[in-house]
């Protein structure tokens, strides 16, 4: 992904369905498959999903294959990079770029599990070793 693509909250739902499908190395998805995946979670109609897919195509985040007569949708952008850009934007917007303030917010609320604390400590130790 050469350019940053800003996804709306609703677009994240669709992208996650497409990324999950891609992770399973399946073919591109038809509109009805995407709608079915999202129906219970969001209650969206196929018209709503189609509108959001068109927006994602315009943004360069999704491609559509029309060669078989049935529109099939797949992602054009990498999930990890998209998540990283969204996290960086959130961190800058809410915590003025301070990771320590972000972690402290969750630590004070007791929302970091023992396993997550261990993961954070491992990351910190790994960063120290790389210095």
C-alpha atoms as a PDB file:
ATOM      1  CA  UNK A   1       0.000   0.000   0.000  1.00  0.00           C
ATOM      2  CA  UNK A   2       1.742   3.143  -1.188  1.00  0.00           C
ATOM      3  CA  UNK A   3      -0.738   5.653   0.149  1.00  0.00           C
ATOM      4  CA  UNK A   4      -2.511   5.815   3.469  1.00  0.00           C
ATOM      5  CA  UNK A   5      -6.156   4.795   3.273  1.00  0.00           C
ATOM      6  CA  UNK A   6      -8.338   6.153   6.064  1.00  0.00           C
ATOM      7  CA  UNK A   7     -11.139   3.714   6.846  1.00  0.00           C
ATOM      8  CA  UNK A   8     -14.377   4.638   8.569  1.00  0.00           C
ATOM      9  CA  UNK A   9     -15.601   2.493  11.444  1.00  0.00           C
ATOM     10  CA  UNK A  10     -18.155   0.843   9.141  1.00  0.00           C
ATOM     11  CA  UNK A  11     -15.551   0.170   6.447  1.00  0.00           C
ATOM     12  CA  UNK A  12     -13.408  -1.701   8.986  1.00  0.00           C
ATOM     13  CA  UNK A  13     -16.188  -4.306   9.291  1.00  0.00           C
ATOM     14  CA  UNK A  14     -16.126  -4.997   5.567  1.00  0.00           C
ATOM     15  CA  UNK A  15     -12.351  -4.973   5.345  1.00  0.00           C
ATOM     16  CA  UNK A  16     -12.080  -7.452   8.218  1.00  0.00           C
ATOM     17  CA  UNK A  17     -14.393  -9.870   6.383  1.00  0.00           C
ATOM     18  CA  UNK A  18     -12.285  -9.537   3.233  1.00  0.00           C
ATOM     19  CA  UNK A  19      -8.979  -9.846   5.119  1.00  0.00           C
ATOM     20  CA  UNK A  20     -10.195 -12.944   6.974  1.00  0.00           C
ATOM     21  CA  UNK A  21     -11.222 -14.518   3.674  1.00  0.00           C
ATOM     22  CA  UNK A  22      -7.852 -13.618   2.165  1.00  0.00           C
ATOM     23  CA  UNK A  23      -6.058 -15.111   5.187  1.00  0.00           C
ATOM     24  CA  UNK A  24      -7.872 -18.387   4.526  1.00  0.00           C
ATOM     25  CA  UNK A  25      -6.590 -18.161   0.919  1.00  0.00           C
ATOM     26  CA  UNK A  26     -10.073 -18.309  -0.533  1.00  0.00           C
ATOM     27  CA  UNK A  27     -11.379 -16.699  -3.709  1.00  0.00           C
ATOM     28  CA  UNK A  28     -12.682 -13.155  -3.726  1.00  0.00           C
ATOM     29  CA  UNK A  29     -16.109 -12.766  -2.128  1.00  0.00           C
ATOM     30  CA  UNK A  30     -19.429 -11.967  -3.740  1.00  0.00           C
ATOM     31  CA  UNK A  31     -21.694  -9.267  -2.313  1.00  0.00           C
ATOM     32  CA  UNK A  32     -24.119 -11.843  -0.902  1.00  0.00           C
ATOM     33  CA  UNK A  33     -21.279 -13.608   0.953  1.00  0.00           C
ATOM     34  CA  UNK A  34     -20.045 -10.371   2.515  1.00  0.00           C
ATOM     35  CA  UNK A  35     -23.594  -9.365   3.459  1.00  0.00           C
ATOM     36  CA  UNK A  36     -24.206 -12.779   5.046  1.00  0.00           C
ATOM     37  CA  UNK A  37     -21.013 -12.481   7.114  1.00  0.00           C
ATOM     38  CA  UNK A  38     -22.020  -9.033   8.383  1.00  0.00           C
ATOM     39  CA  UNK A  39     -25.787  -9.521   8.764  1.00  0.00           C
ATOM     40  CA  UNK A  40     -25.839 -10.760  12.365  1.00  0.00           C
ATOM     41  CA  UNK A  41     -23.154  -8.345  13.528  1.00  0.00           C
ATOM     42  CA  UNK A  42     -24.436  -5.210  11.810  1.00  0.00           C
ATOM     43  CA  UNK A  43     -27.890  -5.874  10.373  1.00  0.00           C
ATOM     44  CA  UNK A  44     -26.817  -4.236   7.109  1.00  0.00           C
ATOM     45  CA  UNK A  45     -28.695  -4.877   3.880  1.00  0.00           C
ATOM     46  CA  UNK A  46     -26.925  -5.790   0.656  1.00  0.00           C
ATOM     47  CA  UNK A  47     -27.553  -2.219  -0.546  1.00  0.00           C
ATOM     48  CA  UNK A  48     -25.666  -0.788   2.416  1.00  0.00           C
ATOM     49  CA  UNK A  49     -22.785  -3.222   1.931  1.00  0.00           C
ATOM     50  CA  UNK A  50     -22.681  -2.445  -1.811  1.00  0.00           C
ATOM     51  CA  UNK A  51     -22.504   1.303  -1.114  1.00  0.00           C
ATOM     52  CA  UNK A  52     -19.606   0.827   1.286  1.00  0.00           C
ATOM     53  CA  UNK A  53     -17.815  -1.472  -1.148  1.00  0.00           C
ATOM     54  CA  UNK A  54     -18.092   1.238  -3.817  1.00  0.00           C
ATOM     55  CA  UNK A  55     -16.527   3.737  -1.398  1.00  0.00           C
ATOM     56  CA  UNK A  56     -13.716   1.288  -0.636  1.00  0.00           C
ATOM     57  CA  UNK A  57     -13.116   0.786  -4.360  1.00  0.00           C
ATOM     58  CA  UNK A  58     -12.943   4.584  -4.827  1.00  0.00           C
ATOM     59  CA  UNK A  59     -10.413   4.776  -1.977  1.00  0.00           C
ATOM     60  CA  UNK A  60      -8.256   2.089  -3.601  1.00  0.00           C
ATOM     61  CA  UNK A  61      -8.745  -0.341  -0.704  1.00  0.00           C
ATOM     62  CA  UNK A  62     -10.825  -2.951  -2.554  1.00  0.00           C
ATOM     63  CA  UNK A  63     -10.843  -4.340  -6.080  1.00  0.00           C
ATOM     64  CA  UNK A  64     -13.761  -5.841  -7.955  1.00  0.00           C
ATOM     65  CA  UNK A  65     -13.506  -8.624 -10.534  1.00  0.00           C
ATOM     66  CA  UNK A  66     -16.379  -8.573 -13.019  1.00  0.00           C
ATOM     67  CA  UNK A  67     -15.014 -11.088 -15.531  1.00  0.00           C
ATOM     68  CA  UNK A  68     -17.353 -13.940 -14.536  1.00  0.00           C
ATOM     69  CA  UNK A  69     -20.505 -11.833 -14.603  1.00  0.00           C
ATOM     70  CA  UNK A  70     -20.676 -11.951 -10.804  1.00  0.00           C
ATOM     71  CA  UNK A  71     -18.907  -9.153  -8.964  1.00  0.00           C
ATOM     72  CA  UNK A  72     -16.215 -10.510  -6.634  1.00  0.00           C
ATOM     73  CA  UNK A  73     -14.437  -8.289  -4.129  1.00  0.00           C
ATOM     74  CA  UNK A  74     -10.961  -8.558  -2.618  1.00  0.00           C
ATOM     75  CA  UNK A  75      -8.593  -6.316  -0.687  1.00  0.00           C
ATOM     76  CA  UNK A  76      -5.829  -4.231  -2.208  1.00  0.00           C
ATOM     77  CA  UNK A  77      -4.297  -3.062   1.063  1.00  0.00           C
ATOM     78  CA  UNK A  78      -2.383  -4.861   3.787  1.00  0.00           C
ATOM     79  CA  UNK A  79      -4.196  -5.299   7.102  1.00  0.00           C
ATOM     80  CA  UNK A  80      -1.116  -4.964   9.306  1.00  0.00           C
ATOM     81  CA  UNK A  81      -0.099  -1.680   7.721  1.00  0.00           C
ATOM     82  CA  UNK A  82      -3.661  -0.365   7.909  1.00  0.00           C
ATOM     83  CA  UNK A  83      -3.868  -1.310  11.597  1.00  0.00           C
ATOM     84  CA  UNK A  84      -0.485   0.332  12.265  1.00  0.00           C
ATOM     85  CA  UNK A  85      -1.543   3.567  10.569  1.00  0.00           C
ATOM     86  CA  UNK A  86      -4.873   3.620  12.435  1.00  0.00           C
ATOM     87  CA  UNK A  87      -3.134   2.962  15.764  1.00  0.00           C
ATOM     88  CA  UNK A  88      -0.584   5.714  15.108  1.00  0.00           C
ATOM     89  CA  UNK A  89      -3.332   8.154  14.163  1.00  0.00           C
ATOM     90  CA  UNK A  90      -5.346   7.276  17.285  1.00  0.00           C
ATOM     91  CA  UNK A  91      -2.295   7.551  19.533  1.00  0.00           C
ATOM     92  CA  UNK A  92      -1.395  10.964  18.117  1.00  0.00           C
ATOM     93  CA  UNK A  93      -4.962  12.279  18.211  1.00  0.00           C
ATOM     94  CA  UNK A  94      -5.882  11.118  21.727  1.00  0.00           C
ATOM     95  CA  UNK A  95      -2.575  10.813  23.609  1.00  0.00           C
ATOM     96  CA  UNK A  96      -0.436  13.316  21.673  1.00  0.00           C
ATOM     97  CA  UNK A  97       1.767  10.399  20.602  1.00  0.00           C
ATOM     98  CA  UNK A  98       2.517   9.167  24.128  1.00  0.00           C
ATOM     99  CA  UNK A  99       2.508   5.381  24.295  1.00  0.00           C
ATOM    100  CA  UNK A 100       3.143   5.475  28.040  1.00  0.00           C
ATOM    101  CA  UNK A 101      -0.032   7.539  28.620  1.00  0.00           C
ATOM    102  CA  UNK A 102      -1.979   5.088  26.464  1.00  0.00           C
ATOM    103  CA  UNK A 103      -0.756   2.053  28.418  1.00  0.00           C
ATOM    104  CA  UNK A 104      -1.238   3.870  31.743  1.00  0.00           C
ATOM    105  CA  UNK A 105      -4.881   4.533  30.858  1.00  0.00           C
ATOM    106  CA  UNK A 106      -5.569   0.817  30.589  1.00  0.00           C
ATOM    107  CA  UNK A 107      -3.321  -0.155  33.485  1.00  0.00           C
ATOM    108  CA  UNK A 108      -5.132   2.202  35.864  1.00  0.00           C
ATOM    109  CA  UNK A 109      -8.458   0.638  34.906  1.00  0.00           C
ATOM    110  CA  UNK A 110      -7.118  -2.883  35.454  1.00  0.00           C
ATOM    111  CA  UNK A 111      -7.814  -3.762  31.829  1.00  0.00           C
ATOM    112  CA  UNK A 112      -4.442  -5.333  31.066  1.00  0.00           C
ATOM    113  CA  UNK A 113      -4.395  -9.079  31.712  1.00  0.00           C
ATOM    114  CA  UNK A 114      -1.413 -10.904  33.140  1.00  0.00           C
ATOM    115  CA  UNK A 115      -0.708 -12.398  29.705  1.00  0.00           C
ATOM    116  CA  UNK A 116      -0.821  -8.969  28.072  1.00  0.00           C
ATOM    117  CA  UNK A 117       1.535  -7.539  30.716  1.00  0.00           C
ATOM    118  CA  UNK A 118       3.970 -10.353  29.990  1.00  0.00           C
ATOM    119  CA  UNK A 119       3.741  -9.657  26.251  1.00  0.00           C
ATOM    120  CA  UNK A 120       4.403  -5.949  26.844  1.00  0.00           C
ATOM    121  CA  UNK A 121       7.414  -6.750  29.026  1.00  0.00           C
ATOM    122  CA  UNK A 122       8.770  -9.125  26.378  1.00  0.00           C
ATOM    123  CA  UNK A 123       8.440  -6.400  23.747  1.00  0.00           C
ATOM    124  CA  UNK A 124      10.241  -3.903  25.985  1.00  0.00           C
ATOM    125  CA  UNK A 125      13.041  -6.387  26.697  1.00  0.00           C
ATOM    126  CA  UNK A 126      13.369  -7.140  22.989  1.00  0.00           C
ATOM    127  CA  UNK A 127      13.616  -3.409  22.244  1.00  0.00           C
ATOM    128  CA  UNK A 128      16.333  -3.025  24.898  1.00  0.00           C
ATOM    129  CA  UNK A 129      18.332  -5.856  23.332  1.00  0.00           C
ATOM    130  CA  UNK A 130      18.098  -4.215  19.905  1.00  0.00           C
ATOM    131  CA  UNK A 131      19.489  -0.877  21.147  1.00  0.00           C
END
